[in-house]
Amino acid sequence: MRVYTTIQGQTWDQIAYEVYGNEYMCDKIMDLNRDKLDTFIFPAGVKLMLPDEENIIRQSVPSDYPTWRTMLNAKG
């Protein structure tokens, strides 16, 4: 995990898109920051925990996929 510091006006999906290139990953960020779920638009300076990209890939790809297929999905 790593820490991300928000910029004034950011939203969950905007952060997910900026960090992971996919706004639909915001649920993974929200899951790690349940104490901040009542915030829709962030002020500057809020510290959020972010999952490592490799953990997101593992959670997003079915476990019955072969390793090579998981890697292809991660790139796309």
Protein backbone atom coordinates (compact mmCIF):
# COMPACT_ATOMS: atom_id res chain seq x y z
CA MET A 1 0.00 0.00 0.00
CA ARG A 2 0.97 3.59 -0.47
CA VAL A 3 -0.32 6.98 0.64
CA TYR A 4 -1.88 9.51 -1.71
CA THR A 5 -2.46 13.17 -0.77
CA THR A 6 -5.52 14.76 -2.34
CA ILE A 7 -5.71 18.01 -4.26
CA GLN A 8 -8.61 20.41 -3.67
CA GLY A 9 -11.70 19.36 -5.60
CA GLN A 10 -10.77 15.76 -6.40
CA THR A 11 -13.33 12.97 -6.28
CA TRP A 12 -12.92 9.22 -5.72
CA ASP A 13 -13.27 8.35 -9.39
CA GLN A 14 -10.95 11.13 -10.49
CA ILE A 15 -8.23 9.85 -8.14
CA ALA A 16 -8.71 6.29 -9.42
CA TYR A 17 -8.41 7.46 -13.02
CA GLU A 18 -5.33 9.56 -12.27
CA VAL A 19 -3.54 6.80 -10.37
CA TYR A 20 -4.67 3.63 -12.17
CA GLY A 21 -6.03 4.90 -15.48
CA ASN A 22 -9.49 3.53 -14.69
CA GLU A 23 -12.17 5.39 -12.71
CA TYR A 24 -13.90 2.10 -11.92
CA MET A 25 -11.08 1.22 -9.53
CA CYS A 26 -12.39 3.81 -7.08
CA ASP A 27 -14.17 1.06 -5.10
CA LYS A 28 -10.76 -0.45 -4.26
CA ILE A 29 -9.60 2.92 -2.90
CA MET A 30 -12.85 3.46 -1.03
CA ASP A 31 -12.58 0.02 0.54
CA LEU A 32 -9.25 0.99 2.15
CA ASN A 33 -10.53 4.39 3.34
CA ARG A 34 -13.91 3.60 4.87
CA ASP A 35 -13.51 6.42 7.41
CA LYS A 36 -13.72 8.93 4.53
CA LEU A 37 -16.71 7.51 2.64
CA ASP A 38 -18.88 10.49 3.57
CA THR A 39 -16.59 12.73 1.48
CA PHE A 40 -17.57 13.21 -2.14
CA ILE A 41 -15.29 16.13 -3.07
CA PHE A 42 -12.00 16.21 -1.20
CA PRO A 43 -10.27 19.23 0.26
CA ALA A 44 -6.52 19.51 -0.25
CA GLY A 45 -4.23 17.46 1.96
CA VAL A 46 -6.36 14.42 2.80
CA LYS A 47 -4.23 11.28 3.10
CA LEU A 48 -5.69 8.20 1.39
CA MET A 49 -4.36 4.68 1.42
CA LEU A 50 -4.03 3.22 -2.09
CA PRO A 51 -3.72 -0.46 -2.94
CA ASP A 52 -0.68 -1.57 -4.91
CA GLU A 53 -1.43 -2.05 -8.60
CA GLU A 54 -0.44 -5.70 -8.49
CA ASN A 55 -3.04 -6.33 -5.76
CA ILE A 56 -5.73 -4.65 -7.85
CA ILE A 57 -4.84 -6.79 -10.86
CA ARG A 58 -5.08 -9.96 -8.79
CA GLN A 59 -8.46 -8.92 -7.41
CA SER A 60 -9.79 -7.87 -10.82
CA VAL A 61 -8.90 -10.98 -12.81
CA PRO A 62 -10.60 -14.32 -12.14
CA SER A 63 -8.29 -16.71 -10.30
CA ASP A 64 -8.81 -19.45 -12.90
CA TYR A 65 -7.03 -17.36 -15.55
CA PRO A 66 -3.57 -18.62 -16.49
CA THR A 67 -0.68 -16.36 -15.49
CA TRP A 68 0.00 -15.20 -19.06
CA ARG A 69 -3.65 -14.13 -19.46
CA THR A 70 -3.54 -12.16 -16.22
CA MET A 71 -0.51 -10.26 -17.52
CA LEU A 72 -2.25 -9.46 -20.83
CA ASN A 73 -5.30 -8.11 -19.00
CA ALA A 74 -3.09 -5.98 -16.77
CA LYS A 75 -1.58 -4.24 -19.82
CA GLY A 76 -4.91 -3.50 -21.48
